[in-house]
Amino acid sequence: MDWRDRLKLFCRETLPRLGGNLLILILFLLMLREIFACGSAGNPFSVIFNVLKACFFAAIAAVLLVRMYLPAVAEKITFGLLYPKQYLKTAPPPLSPIYSLIAQGNLDEAEVQLSELAEKHPGNAEITRMLMDLYTDSLGRDDLAAAAAEKYFPNVRGRSTEDHFRILMRYADLLQGTEREDQLRIRLEKELKSRHLTGPQASAVRCRLENLH
């Protein structure tokens, strides 16, 4: 990315996060001020008022903390519960730290790590889906998102997963209406012939085929 893209990312992702952290710090300091003020309060009503203000500042800071950091923490906990390494023959790729990078706005580092994992695990649907989401939703690189899907499709094994279906539909969104529609048509027809899709998924793919020019 050039400096303009980096500036846009900074203003859209990093700057709000820094502002949120600064606001949490200010609220924490205001809470401490109200707590210390209780010691010099002249009457019980002043103490109660100071305590209420401290609780108010603490509540706002807690809401901000939850809003900014809970999704990444929850993802890490869920990942550990659902995919314990001791019950798997092969440990799953370490995606939880990348979810945290994305949640914190470290998109460049997330892209680097996802790209490296995609090279090591070219048939992993979750990695490819994350990489495509990052390219299309955050980095504005639809061309790289389509390329990631094209590297993934030849390496798919087994039945379709929800991530696989999302990759296929996003790939269709990227190519439909472009000069590469014939390539998209071939891919959708291959998916139907593979019989890996569920009934509703296959119906959605047929609908896409019918809507191609």
N, C-alpha and C. Protein backbone atom coordinates (compact mmCIF):
# COMPACT_ATOMS: atom_id res chain seq x y z
N MET A 1 0.83 -1.20 0.00
CA MET A 1 0.00 0.00 0.00
C MET A 1 0.87 1.25 0.00
N ASP A 2 0.40 2.30 -0.73
CA ASP A 2 1.14 3.54 -0.71
C ASP A 2 0.75 4.36 0.51
N TRP A 3 1.33 5.58 0.62
CA TRP A 3 1.13 6.37 1.84
C TRP A 3 -0.32 6.85 1.97
N ARG A 4 -1.01 7.03 0.84
CA ARG A 4 -2.41 7.46 0.91
C ARG A 4 -3.28 6.37 1.53
N ASP A 5 -3.06 5.12 1.10
CA ASP A 5 -3.83 4.02 1.67
C ASP A 5 -3.52 3.84 3.15
N ARG A 6 -2.23 3.99 3.48
CA ARG A 6 -1.85 3.85 4.90
C ARG A 6 -2.47 4.95 5.74
N LEU A 7 -2.55 6.18 5.18
CA LEU A 7 -3.16 7.29 5.91
C LEU A 7 -4.65 7.03 6.12
N LYS A 8 -5.32 6.51 5.09
CA LYS A 8 -6.73 6.20 5.22
C LYS A 8 -6.97 5.13 6.28
N LEU A 9 -6.11 4.10 6.25
CA LEU A 9 -6.24 3.05 7.26
C LEU A 9 -6.00 3.57 8.67
N PHE A 10 -5.01 4.48 8.78
CA PHE A 10 -4.71 5.05 10.10
C PHE A 10 -5.91 5.85 10.62
N CYS A 11 -6.51 6.64 9.74
CA CYS A 11 -7.64 7.48 10.15
C CYS A 11 -8.88 6.64 10.44
N ARG A 12 -9.04 5.54 9.69
CA ARG A 12 -10.24 4.73 9.84
C ARG A 12 -10.12 3.70 10.96
N GLU A 13 -8.91 3.15 11.17
CA GLU A 13 -8.76 2.05 12.12
C GLU A 13 -7.97 2.43 13.36
N THR A 14 -6.75 2.94 13.17
CA THR A 14 -5.85 3.16 14.30
C THR A 14 -6.25 4.38 15.12
N LEU A 15 -6.61 5.48 14.45
CA LEU A 15 -6.92 6.72 15.16
C LEU A 15 -8.10 6.55 16.11
N PRO A 16 -9.22 5.94 15.69
CA PRO A 16 -10.31 5.74 16.65
C PRO A 16 -9.92 4.88 17.84
N ARG A 17 -9.06 3.88 17.58
CA ARG A 17 -8.62 3.01 18.69
C ARG A 17 -7.78 3.79 19.68
N LEU A 18 -6.87 4.64 19.18
CA LEU A 18 -6.06 5.47 20.07
C LEU A 18 -6.94 6.45 20.85
N GLY A 19 -7.92 7.03 20.15
CA GLY A 19 -8.84 7.94 20.83
C GLY A 19 -9.63 7.24 21.93
N GLY A 20 -10.06 6.00 21.64
CA GLY A 20 -10.78 5.24 22.66
C GLY A 20 -9.92 4.93 23.87
N ASN A 21 -8.68 4.55 23.63
CA ASN A 21 -7.77 4.28 24.76
C ASN A 21 -7.52 5.53 25.60
N LEU A 22 -7.37 6.68 24.93
CA LEU A 22 -7.16 7.93 25.66
C LEU A 22 -8.38 8.29 26.49
N LEU A 23 -9.57 8.07 25.92
CA LEU A 23 -10.80 8.38 26.66
C LEU A 23 -10.94 7.47 27.88
N ILE A 24 -10.59 6.21 27.74
CA ILE A 24 -10.65 5.29 28.87
C ILE A 24 -9.70 5.74 29.98
N LEU A 25 -8.49 6.17 29.60
CA LEU A 25 -7.53 6.66 30.59
C LEU A 25 -8.06 7.88 31.31
N ILE A 26 -8.65 8.81 30.58
CA ILE A 26 -9.20 10.03 31.20
C ILE A 26 -10.32 9.66 32.18
N LEU A 27 -11.20 8.76 31.76
CA LEU A 27 -12.29 8.34 32.65
C LEU A 27 -11.77 7.66 33.90
N PHE A 28 -10.71 6.88 33.76
CA PHE A 28 -10.11 6.22 34.92
C PHE A 28 -9.54 7.25 35.89
N LEU A 29 -8.87 8.26 35.35
CA LEU A 29 -8.31 9.31 36.22
C LEU A 29 -9.41 10.11 36.91
N LEU A 30 -10.50 10.37 36.19
CA LEU A 30 -11.63 11.07 36.81
C LEU A 30 -12.26 10.24 37.94
N MET A 31 -12.33 8.93 37.72
CA MET A 31 -12.86 8.05 38.76
C MET A 31 -11.98 8.10 40.01
N LEU A 32 -10.66 8.03 39.80
CA LEU A 32 -9.75 8.10 40.95
C LEU A 32 -9.88 9.43 41.68
N ARG A 33 -10.05 10.51 40.94
CA ARG A 33 -10.19 11.83 41.57
C ARG A 33 -11.41 11.87 42.47
N GLU A 34 -12.52 11.30 41.99
CA GLU A 34 -13.74 11.31 42.80
C GLU A 34 -13.59 10.43 44.04
N ILE A 35 -12.87 9.31 43.89
CA ILE A 35 -12.67 8.43 45.05
C ILE A 35 -11.81 9.12 46.10
N PHE A 36 -10.72 9.77 45.68
CA PHE A 36 -9.87 10.48 46.63
C PHE A 36 -10.59 11.67 47.25
N ALA A 37 -11.54 12.24 46.49
CA ALA A 37 -12.26 13.40 47.01
C ALA A 37 -13.18 13.02 48.16
N CYS A 38 -13.51 11.73 48.26
CA CYS A 38 -14.39 11.30 49.37
C CYS A 38 -13.74 11.55 50.73
N GLY A 39 -12.41 11.46 50.77
CA GLY A 39 -11.71 11.64 52.03
C GLY A 39 -11.78 13.06 52.56
N SER A 40 -11.93 14.02 51.66
CA SER A 40 -11.98 15.43 52.09
C SER A 40 -13.39 16.00 52.05
N ALA A 41 -14.37 15.12 51.79
CA ALA A 41 -15.75 15.61 51.73
C ALA A 41 -16.21 16.06 53.12
N GLY A 42 -17.01 17.13 53.15
CA GLY A 42 -17.42 17.70 54.42
C GLY A 42 -18.61 17.01 55.05
N ASN A 43 -19.42 16.31 54.29
CA ASN A 43 -20.61 15.67 54.83
C ASN A 43 -20.91 14.38 54.06
N PRO A 44 -21.76 13.53 54.63
CA PRO A 44 -22.06 12.23 53.98
C PRO A 44 -22.66 12.37 52.58
N PHE A 45 -23.45 13.43 52.37
CA PHE A 45 -24.06 13.60 51.05
C PHE A 45 -23.01 13.84 49.97
N SER A 46 -21.96 14.58 50.34
CA SER A 46 -20.87 14.82 49.38
C SER A 46 -20.15 13.52 49.06
N VAL A 47 -19.95 12.67 50.07
CA VAL A 47 -19.30 11.38 49.85
C VAL A 47 -20.13 10.53 48.88
N ILE A 48 -21.44 10.48 49.14
CA ILE A 48 -22.33 9.69 48.27
C ILE A 48 -22.29 10.23 46.84
N PHE A 49 -22.31 11.56 46.71
CA PHE A 49 -22.28 12.17 45.38
C PHE A 49 -20.98 11.84 44.65
N ASN A 50 -19.85 11.90 45.39
CA ASN A 50 -18.56 11.56 44.77
C ASN A 50 -18.50 10.09 44.35
N VAL A 51 -19.06 9.22 45.20
CA VAL A 51 -19.08 7.79 44.86
C VAL A 51 -19.92 7.54 43.61
N LEU A 52 -21.05 8.21 43.52
CA LEU A 52 -21.91 8.06 42.34
C LEU A 52 -21.20 8.53 41.07
N LYS A 53 -20.48 9.65 41.18
CA LYS A 53 -19.75 10.13 40.01
C LYS A 53 -18.63 9.16 39.63
N ALA A 54 -17.95 8.60 40.64
CA ALA A 54 -16.89 7.63 40.35
C ALA A 54 -17.46 6.40 39.66
N CYS A 55 -18.62 5.93 40.11
CA CYS A 55 -19.27 4.78 39.47
C CYS A 55 -19.68 5.10 38.04
N PHE A 56 -20.12 6.33 37.82
CA PHE A 56 -20.52 6.74 36.47
C PHE A 56 -19.32 6.70 35.52
N PHE A 57 -18.20 7.29 35.96
CA PHE A 57 -17.00 7.27 35.12
C PHE A 57 -16.50 5.85 34.89
N ALA A 58 -16.55 5.01 35.94
CA ALA A 58 -16.11 3.63 35.82
C ALA A 58 -16.99 2.85 34.85
N ALA A 59 -18.30 3.10 34.89
CA ALA A 59 -19.22 2.39 34.01
C ALA A 59 -18.97 2.72 32.55
N ILE A 60 -18.73 4.00 32.25
CA ILE A 60 -18.46 4.39 30.86
C ILE A 60 -17.15 3.76 30.38
N ALA A 61 -16.12 3.80 31.25
CA ALA A 61 -14.84 3.20 30.89
C ALA A 61 -15.00 1.70 30.64
N ALA A 62 -15.82 1.03 31.46
CA ALA A 62 -16.02 -0.42 31.30
C ALA A 62 -16.73 -0.73 29.98
N VAL A 63 -17.72 0.09 29.63
CA VAL A 63 -18.42 -0.12 28.36
C VAL A 63 -17.46 0.03 27.18
N LEU A 64 -16.61 1.04 27.24
CA LEU A 64 -15.64 1.24 26.17
C LEU A 64 -14.66 0.08 26.07
N LEU A 65 -14.19 -0.40 27.23
CA LEU A 65 -13.27 -1.53 27.24
C LEU A 65 -13.90 -2.78 26.62
N VAL A 66 -15.15 -3.03 27.00
CA VAL A 66 -15.85 -4.19 26.46
C VAL A 66 -16.04 -4.05 24.95
N ARG A 67 -16.43 -2.85 24.54
CA ARG A 67 -16.68 -2.63 23.11
C ARG A 67 -15.41 -2.79 22.28
N MET A 68 -14.28 -2.37 22.82
CA MET A 68 -13.05 -2.37 22.04
C MET A 68 -12.30 -3.70 22.07
N TYR A 69 -12.34 -4.40 23.22
CA TYR A 69 -11.45 -5.55 23.39
C TYR A 69 -12.14 -6.89 23.64
N LEU A 70 -13.41 -6.88 24.03
CA LEU A 70 -14.07 -8.15 24.33
C LEU A 70 -14.17 -9.08 23.12
N PRO A 71 -14.48 -8.59 21.89
CA PRO A 71 -14.57 -9.51 20.75
C PRO A 71 -13.31 -10.33 20.53
N ALA A 72 -12.15 -9.69 20.62
CA ALA A 72 -10.89 -10.41 20.40
C ALA A 72 -10.65 -11.43 21.51
N VAL A 73 -10.95 -11.04 22.77
CA VAL A 73 -10.76 -11.96 23.90
C VAL A 73 -11.71 -13.15 23.79
N ALA A 74 -12.97 -12.87 23.44
CA ALA A 74 -13.96 -13.94 23.31
C ALA A 74 -13.57 -14.90 22.20
N GLU A 75 -13.06 -14.36 21.10
CA GLU A 75 -12.63 -15.22 20.00
C GLU A 75 -11.49 -16.14 20.44
N LYS A 76 -10.57 -15.60 21.22
CA LYS A 76 -9.44 -16.41 21.68
C LYS A 76 -9.91 -17.52 22.60
N ILE A 77 -10.85 -17.20 23.51
CA ILE A 77 -11.36 -18.21 24.43
C ILE A 77 -12.13 -19.28 23.68
N THR A 78 -12.99 -18.85 22.75
CA THR A 78 -13.78 -19.81 21.96
C THR A 78 -12.89 -20.72 21.15
N PHE A 79 -11.86 -20.15 20.55
CA PHE A 79 -10.94 -20.95 19.75
C PHE A 79 -10.29 -22.03 20.61
N GLY A 80 -9.90 -21.66 21.83
CA GLY A 80 -9.26 -22.63 22.70
C GLY A 80 -10.21 -23.72 23.16
N LEU A 81 -11.50 -23.37 23.34
CA LEU A 81 -12.47 -24.36 23.79
C LEU A 81 -12.88 -25.32 22.69
N LEU A 82 -13.04 -24.78 21.48
CA LEU A 82 -13.53 -25.59 20.38
C LEU A 82 -12.45 -26.44 19.73
N TYR A 83 -11.19 -25.96 19.79
CA TYR A 83 -10.12 -26.66 19.10
C TYR A 83 -8.94 -26.96 20.01
N PRO A 84 -9.15 -27.71 21.10
CA PRO A 84 -8.02 -28.07 21.98
C PRO A 84 -7.02 -28.95 21.24
N LYS A 85 -5.77 -28.59 21.28
CA LYS A 85 -4.75 -29.28 20.49
C LYS A 85 -4.60 -30.74 20.89
N GLN A 86 -4.87 -31.07 22.16
CA GLN A 86 -4.61 -32.44 22.57
C GLN A 86 -5.59 -33.43 21.95
N TYR A 87 -6.71 -32.94 21.39
CA TYR A 87 -7.68 -33.84 20.78
C TYR A 87 -7.59 -33.85 19.26
N LEU A 88 -6.61 -33.21 18.69
CA LEU A 88 -6.47 -33.15 17.25
C LEU A 88 -5.17 -33.82 16.82
N LYS A 89 -5.23 -34.56 15.71
CA LYS A 89 -4.01 -35.14 15.18
C LYS A 89 -3.05 -34.06 14.72
N THR A 90 -3.60 -33.04 14.08
CA THR A 90 -2.79 -31.91 13.64
C THR A 90 -3.37 -30.64 14.22
N ALA A 91 -2.57 -29.88 14.92
CA ALA A 91 -3.07 -28.64 15.54
C ALA A 91 -3.55 -27.68 14.46
N PRO A 92 -4.69 -26.99 14.70
CA PRO A 92 -5.20 -26.04 13.71
C PRO A 92 -4.26 -24.84 13.60
N PRO A 93 -4.30 -24.16 12.46
CA PRO A 93 -3.46 -22.96 12.33
C PRO A 93 -3.80 -21.94 13.41
N PRO A 94 -2.83 -21.21 13.93
CA PRO A 94 -3.06 -20.24 15.01
C PRO A 94 -3.74 -18.98 14.50
N LEU A 95 -5.07 -19.00 14.42
CA LEU A 95 -5.82 -17.88 13.87
C LEU A 95 -6.26 -16.87 14.94
N SER A 96 -6.33 -17.31 16.19
CA SER A 96 -6.81 -16.42 17.24
C SER A 96 -5.98 -15.13 17.35
N PRO A 97 -4.63 -15.21 17.30
CA PRO A 97 -3.87 -13.96 17.36
C PRO A 97 -4.15 -13.03 16.18
N ILE A 98 -4.49 -13.61 15.02
CA ILE A 98 -4.77 -12.76 13.86
C ILE A 98 -6.12 -12.07 14.02
N TYR A 99 -7.10 -12.78 14.59
CA TYR A 99 -8.37 -12.12 14.91
C TYR A 99 -8.13 -10.92 15.83
N SER A 100 -7.22 -11.09 16.78
CA SER A 100 -6.91 -9.99 17.70
C SER A 100 -6.24 -8.83 16.97
N LEU A 101 -5.34 -9.14 16.04
CA LEU A 101 -4.70 -8.08 15.26
C LEU A 101 -5.73 -7.28 14.47
N ILE A 102 -6.68 -7.96 13.87
CA ILE A 102 -7.71 -7.28 13.08
C ILE A 102 -8.57 -6.42 13.99
N ALA A 103 -8.96 -6.97 15.15
CA ALA A 103 -9.79 -6.21 16.09
C ALA A 103 -9.08 -4.96 16.59
N GLN A 104 -7.75 -5.02 16.70
CA GLN A 104 -6.97 -3.88 17.18
C GLN A 104 -6.57 -2.92 16.07
N GLY A 105 -6.91 -3.25 14.83
CA GLY A 105 -6.60 -2.37 13.71
C GLY A 105 -5.24 -2.56 13.09
N ASN A 106 -4.53 -3.62 13.47
CA ASN A 106 -3.20 -3.89 12.89
C ASN A 106 -3.36 -4.70 11.60
N LEU A 107 -3.92 -4.05 10.58
CA LEU A 107 -4.33 -4.76 9.37
C LEU A 107 -3.14 -5.23 8.53
N ASP A 108 -2.09 -4.43 8.45
CA ASP A 108 -0.92 -4.82 7.66
C ASP A 108 -0.29 -6.10 8.21
N GLU A 109 -0.13 -6.16 9.53
CA GLU A 109 0.46 -7.34 10.14
C GLU A 109 -0.46 -8.54 9.98
N ALA A 110 -1.78 -8.31 10.10
CA ALA A 110 -2.73 -9.41 9.90
C ALA A 110 -2.64 -9.95 8.48
N GLU A 111 -2.50 -9.05 7.51
CA GLU A 111 -2.38 -9.49 6.11
C GLU A 111 -1.13 -10.35 5.91
N VAL A 112 -0.03 -9.92 6.48
CA VAL A 112 1.22 -10.68 6.33
C VAL A 112 1.08 -12.08 6.92
N GLN A 113 0.53 -12.16 8.13
CA GLN A 113 0.41 -13.47 8.78
C GLN A 113 -0.59 -14.37 8.06
N LEU A 114 -1.70 -13.80 7.60
CA LEU A 114 -2.69 -14.61 6.89
C LEU A 114 -2.13 -15.11 5.56
N SER A 115 -1.38 -14.27 4.88
CA SER A 115 -0.79 -14.68 3.60
C SER A 115 0.19 -15.83 3.80
N GLU A 116 0.97 -15.76 4.87
CA GLU A 116 1.92 -16.83 5.16
C GLU A 116 1.19 -18.13 5.49
N LEU A 117 0.10 -18.03 6.27
CA LEU A 117 -0.67 -19.23 6.60
C LEU A 117 -1.36 -19.80 5.37
N ALA A 118 -1.82 -18.93 4.48
CA ALA A 118 -2.49 -19.40 3.26
C ALA A 118 -1.52 -20.18 2.38
N GLU A 119 -0.26 -19.78 2.39
CA GLU A 119 0.74 -20.53 1.63
C GLU A 119 0.98 -21.91 2.24
N LYS A 120 0.96 -21.98 3.57
CA LYS A 120 1.20 -23.26 4.25
C LYS A 120 -0.04 -24.16 4.23
N HIS A 121 -1.23 -23.54 4.24
CA HIS A 121 -2.49 -24.30 4.30
C HIS A 121 -3.40 -23.80 3.18
N PRO A 122 -3.09 -24.11 1.94
CA PRO A 122 -3.85 -23.53 0.81
C PRO A 122 -5.29 -24.00 0.74
N GLY A 123 -5.63 -25.13 1.39
CA GLY A 123 -7.00 -25.61 1.35
C GLY A 123 -7.81 -25.28 2.59
N ASN A 124 -7.29 -24.42 3.46
CA ASN A 124 -8.00 -24.05 4.69
C ASN A 124 -9.01 -22.95 4.39
N ALA A 125 -10.29 -23.27 4.55
CA ALA A 125 -11.35 -22.32 4.18
C ALA A 125 -11.38 -21.10 5.11
N GLU A 126 -11.14 -21.30 6.39
CA GLU A 126 -11.23 -20.17 7.32
C GLU A 126 -10.13 -19.15 7.06
N ILE A 127 -8.92 -19.62 6.77
CA ILE A 127 -7.83 -18.70 6.47
C ILE A 127 -8.15 -17.89 5.22
N THR A 128 -8.59 -18.58 4.16
CA THR A 128 -8.89 -17.89 2.91
C THR A 128 -10.05 -16.92 3.09
N ARG A 129 -11.07 -17.33 3.84
CA ARG A 129 -12.21 -16.42 4.08
C ARG A 129 -11.77 -15.17 4.84
N MET A 130 -10.93 -15.36 5.86
CA MET A 130 -10.42 -14.21 6.61
C MET A 130 -9.61 -13.28 5.71
N LEU A 131 -8.77 -13.87 4.86
CA LEU A 131 -7.93 -13.08 3.97
C LEU A 131 -8.78 -12.31 2.97
N MET A 132 -9.80 -12.95 2.41
CA MET A 132 -10.69 -12.26 1.47
C MET A 132 -11.47 -11.15 2.16
N ASP A 133 -11.96 -11.41 3.36
CA ASP A 133 -12.68 -10.37 4.11
C ASP A 133 -11.78 -9.17 4.38
N LEU A 134 -10.54 -9.45 4.73
CA LEU A 134 -9.59 -8.37 5.00
C LEU A 134 -9.34 -7.54 3.75
N TYR A 135 -9.13 -8.22 2.62
CA TYR A 135 -8.86 -7.50 1.37
C TYR A 135 -10.06 -6.67 0.92
N THR A 136 -11.25 -7.24 0.97
CA THR A 136 -12.41 -6.54 0.42
C THR A 136 -12.99 -5.51 1.39
N ASP A 137 -13.06 -5.85 2.67
CA ASP A 137 -13.75 -4.98 3.62
C ASP A 137 -12.85 -3.88 4.19
N SER A 138 -11.55 -4.14 4.29
CA SER A 138 -10.67 -3.20 4.97
C SER A 138 -9.59 -2.59 4.08
N LEU A 139 -9.05 -3.36 3.17
CA LEU A 139 -7.91 -2.89 2.38
C LEU A 139 -8.29 -2.44 0.97
N GLY A 140 -9.50 -2.71 0.54
CA GLY A 140 -9.93 -2.27 -0.77
C GLY A 140 -9.18 -2.92 -1.92
N ARG A 141 -8.81 -4.20 -1.78
CA ARG A 141 -8.05 -4.90 -2.81
C ARG A 141 -8.86 -6.11 -3.29
N ASP A 142 -9.87 -5.84 -4.09
CA ASP A 142 -10.71 -6.92 -4.62
C ASP A 142 -9.92 -7.88 -5.50
N ASP A 143 -8.91 -7.36 -6.19
CA ASP A 143 -8.11 -8.22 -7.06
C ASP A 143 -7.36 -9.28 -6.25
N LEU A 144 -6.81 -8.89 -5.11
CA LEU A 144 -6.10 -9.85 -4.26
C LEU A 144 -7.07 -10.82 -3.60
N ALA A 145 -8.28 -10.36 -3.29
CA ALA A 145 -9.28 -11.26 -2.72
C ALA A 145 -9.64 -12.35 -3.72
N ALA A 146 -9.86 -11.98 -4.97
CA ALA A 146 -10.17 -12.98 -6.00
C ALA A 146 -9.01 -13.95 -6.20
N ALA A 147 -7.79 -13.42 -6.17
CA ALA A 147 -6.61 -14.28 -6.34
C ALA A 147 -6.49 -15.27 -5.19
N ALA A 148 -6.82 -14.84 -3.97
CA ALA A 148 -6.77 -15.74 -2.81
C ALA A 148 -7.77 -16.89 -2.98
N ALA A 149 -8.96 -16.58 -3.49
CA ALA A 149 -9.95 -17.63 -3.72
C ALA A 149 -9.47 -18.61 -4.79
N GLU A 150 -8.86 -18.10 -5.83
CA GLU A 150 -8.40 -18.95 -6.93
C GLU A 150 -7.26 -19.87 -6.50
N LYS A 151 -6.46 -19.45 -5.54
CA LYS A 151 -5.43 -20.34 -5.00
C LYS A 151 -6.04 -21.41 -4.10
N TYR A 152 -7.18 -21.07 -3.50
CA TYR A 152 -7.81 -21.97 -2.55
C TYR A 152 -8.59 -23.10 -3.23
N PHE A 153 -9.38 -22.77 -4.25
CA PHE A 153 -10.30 -23.75 -4.84
C PHE A 153 -9.65 -25.06 -5.25
N PRO A 154 -8.48 -25.07 -5.91
CA PRO A 154 -7.90 -26.36 -6.33
C PRO A 154 -7.47 -27.25 -5.17
N ASN A 155 -7.39 -26.70 -3.97
CA ASN A 155 -6.88 -27.45 -2.82
C ASN A 155 -7.97 -27.87 -1.84
N VAL A 156 -9.25 -27.66 -2.22
CA VAL A 156 -10.35 -28.00 -1.33
C VAL A 156 -10.49 -29.51 -1.23
N ARG A 157 -10.69 -30.01 -0.01
CA ARG A 157 -10.92 -31.43 0.21
C ARG A 157 -12.14 -31.59 1.11
N GLY A 158 -12.94 -32.62 0.86
CA GLY A 158 -14.07 -32.92 1.73
C GLY A 158 -15.30 -32.08 1.40
N ARG A 159 -16.30 -32.18 2.29
CA ARG A 159 -17.57 -31.49 2.08
C ARG A 159 -17.43 -30.00 2.32
N SER A 160 -18.40 -29.27 1.79
CA SER A 160 -18.39 -27.82 1.92
C SER A 160 -18.64 -27.41 3.37
N THR A 161 -17.97 -26.37 3.79
CA THR A 161 -18.22 -25.75 5.09
C THR A 161 -18.86 -24.38 4.85
N GLU A 162 -19.30 -23.75 5.92
CA GLU A 162 -19.89 -22.42 5.77
C GLU A 162 -18.86 -21.43 5.23
N ASP A 163 -17.60 -21.56 5.69
CA ASP A 163 -16.55 -20.68 5.19
C ASP A 163 -16.32 -20.91 3.69
N HIS A 164 -16.35 -22.17 3.27
CA HIS A 164 -16.17 -22.47 1.85
C HIS A 164 -17.27 -21.82 1.02
N PHE A 165 -18.50 -21.92 1.49
CA PHE A 165 -19.62 -21.33 0.75
C PHE A 165 -19.50 -19.81 0.71
N ARG A 166 -19.06 -19.20 1.80
CA ARG A 166 -18.87 -17.75 1.81
C ARG A 166 -17.77 -17.32 0.84
N ILE A 167 -16.71 -18.12 0.76
CA ILE A 167 -15.64 -17.83 -0.21
C ILE A 167 -16.20 -17.87 -1.62
N LEU A 168 -16.99 -18.90 -1.92
CA LEU A 168 -17.56 -19.06 -3.26
C LEU A 168 -18.48 -17.89 -3.60
N MET A 169 -19.34 -17.48 -2.68
CA MET A 169 -20.27 -16.39 -2.95
C MET A 169 -19.55 -15.05 -3.07
N ARG A 170 -18.54 -14.85 -2.25
CA ARG A 170 -17.79 -13.59 -2.37
C ARG A 170 -17.01 -13.56 -3.68
N TYR A 171 -16.48 -14.70 -4.08
CA TYR A 171 -15.79 -14.79 -5.36
C TYR A 171 -16.76 -14.46 -6.50
N ALA A 172 -17.99 -14.95 -6.39
CA ALA A 172 -19.00 -14.63 -7.40
C ALA A 172 -19.31 -13.13 -7.40
N ASP A 173 -19.39 -12.52 -6.24
CA ASP A 173 -19.62 -11.07 -6.17
C ASP A 173 -18.52 -10.30 -6.88
N LEU A 174 -17.29 -10.78 -6.75
CA LEU A 174 -16.15 -10.07 -7.32
C LEU A 174 -16.09 -10.20 -8.84
N LEU A 175 -16.50 -11.35 -9.38
CA LEU A 175 -16.33 -11.58 -10.81
C LEU A 175 -17.60 -11.35 -11.63
N GLN A 176 -18.76 -11.41 -10.98
CA GLN A 176 -20.00 -11.24 -11.75
C GLN A 176 -20.08 -9.81 -12.33
N GLY A 177 -20.42 -9.75 -13.60
CA GLY A 177 -20.51 -8.46 -14.27
C GLY A 177 -19.19 -7.96 -14.81
N THR A 178 -18.13 -8.75 -14.72
CA THR A 178 -16.83 -8.36 -15.25
C THR A 178 -16.51 -9.21 -16.48
N GLU A 179 -15.37 -8.93 -17.08
CA GLU A 179 -14.96 -9.70 -18.25
C GLU A 179 -14.55 -11.13 -17.88
N ARG A 180 -14.51 -11.45 -16.62
CA ARG A 180 -14.11 -12.78 -16.16
C ARG A 180 -15.32 -13.65 -15.77
N GLU A 181 -16.50 -13.29 -16.26
CA GLU A 181 -17.69 -14.06 -15.91
C GLU A 181 -17.62 -15.50 -16.39
N ASP A 182 -16.99 -15.73 -17.55
CA ASP A 182 -16.87 -17.11 -18.04
C ASP A 182 -16.08 -17.96 -17.07
N GLN A 183 -15.05 -17.37 -16.49
CA GLN A 183 -14.25 -18.09 -15.49
C GLN A 183 -15.10 -18.40 -14.25
N LEU A 184 -15.95 -17.44 -13.86
CA LEU A 184 -16.85 -17.65 -12.72
C LEU A 184 -17.85 -18.77 -13.04
N ARG A 185 -18.38 -18.77 -14.25
CA ARG A 185 -19.34 -19.80 -14.63
C ARG A 185 -18.73 -21.21 -14.50
N ILE A 186 -17.50 -21.35 -14.96
CA ILE A 186 -16.81 -22.65 -14.87
C ILE A 186 -16.67 -23.07 -13.41
N ARG A 187 -16.29 -22.13 -12.56
CA ARG A 187 -16.10 -22.45 -11.15
C ARG A 187 -17.42 -22.88 -10.50
N LEU A 188 -18.50 -22.14 -10.76
CA LEU A 188 -19.79 -22.49 -10.16
C LEU A 188 -20.28 -23.84 -10.65
N GLU A 189 -20.08 -24.14 -11.93
CA GLU A 189 -20.49 -25.44 -12.46
C GLU A 189 -19.68 -26.57 -11.83
N LYS A 190 -18.40 -26.34 -11.60
CA LYS A 190 -17.57 -27.35 -10.94
C LYS A 190 -18.06 -27.60 -9.52
N GLU A 191 -18.45 -26.54 -8.83
CA GLU A 191 -18.94 -26.70 -7.45
C GLU A 191 -20.21 -27.54 -7.43
N LEU A 192 -21.09 -27.33 -8.39
CA LEU A 192 -22.32 -28.12 -8.43
C LEU A 192 -22.03 -29.59 -8.76
N LYS A 193 -21.09 -29.83 -9.64
CA LYS A 193 -20.76 -31.20 -10.02
C LYS A 193 -20.03 -31.94 -8.90
N SER A 194 -19.35 -31.19 -8.05
CA SER A 194 -18.61 -31.84 -6.96
C SER A 194 -19.52 -32.49 -5.94
N ARG A 195 -20.78 -32.05 -5.87
CA ARG A 195 -21.77 -32.56 -4.91
C ARG A 195 -21.31 -32.39 -3.46
N HIS A 196 -20.47 -31.40 -3.23
CA HIS A 196 -20.03 -31.12 -1.86
C HIS A 196 -20.95 -30.13 -1.15
N LEU A 197 -21.79 -29.43 -1.91
CA LEU A 197 -22.63 -28.38 -1.35
C LEU A 197 -23.87 -28.97 -0.70
N THR A 198 -24.37 -28.29 0.32
CA THR A 198 -25.65 -28.66 0.90
C THR A 198 -26.77 -28.26 -0.07
N GLY A 199 -27.98 -28.70 0.22
CA GLY A 199 -29.10 -28.37 -0.65
C GLY A 199 -29.31 -26.87 -0.83
N PRO A 200 -29.44 -26.11 0.26
CA PRO A 200 -29.62 -24.66 0.12
C PRO A 200 -28.44 -23.99 -0.57
N GLN A 201 -27.22 -24.45 -0.29
CA GLN A 201 -26.04 -23.87 -0.94
C GLN A 201 -26.07 -24.12 -2.44
N ALA A 202 -26.41 -25.35 -2.84
CA ALA A 202 -26.49 -25.66 -4.27
C ALA A 202 -27.56 -24.82 -4.95
N SER A 203 -28.68 -24.58 -4.28
CA SER A 203 -29.73 -23.75 -4.86
C SER A 203 -29.24 -22.32 -5.08
N ALA A 204 -28.48 -21.80 -4.11
CA ALA A 204 -27.94 -20.45 -4.26
C ALA A 204 -26.95 -20.37 -5.42
N VAL A 205 -26.15 -21.42 -5.60
CA VAL A 205 -25.19 -21.45 -6.71
C VAL A 205 -25.92 -21.50 -8.05
N ARG A 206 -26.98 -22.31 -8.15
CA ARG A 206 -27.75 -22.37 -9.39
C ARG A 206 -28.37 -21.01 -9.71
N CYS A 207 -28.84 -20.33 -8.68
CA CYS A 207 -29.42 -19.00 -8.89
C CYS A 207 -28.37 -18.04 -9.43
N ARG A 208 -27.16 -18.13 -8.93
CA ARG A 208 -26.08 -17.28 -9.42
C ARG A 208 -25.80 -17.59 -10.89
N LEU A 209 -25.78 -18.88 -11.23
CA LEU A 209 -25.53 -19.26 -12.62
C LEU A 209 -26.58 -18.70 -13.56
N GLU A 210 -27.83 -18.74 -13.12
CA GLU A 210 -28.91 -18.24 -13.96
C GLU A 210 -28.83 -16.74 -14.18
N ASN A 211 -28.22 -16.03 -13.24
CA ASN A 211 -28.15 -14.58 -13.32
C ASN A 211 -26.91 -14.07 -14.05
N LEU A 212 -26.04 -14.99 -14.48
CA LEU A 212 -24.87 -14.56 -15.24
C LEU A 212 -25.30 -14.20 -16.65
N HIS A 213 -24.57 -13.28 -17.26
CA HIS A 213 -24.89 -12.85 -18.63
C HIS A 213 -24.54 -13.94 -19.62
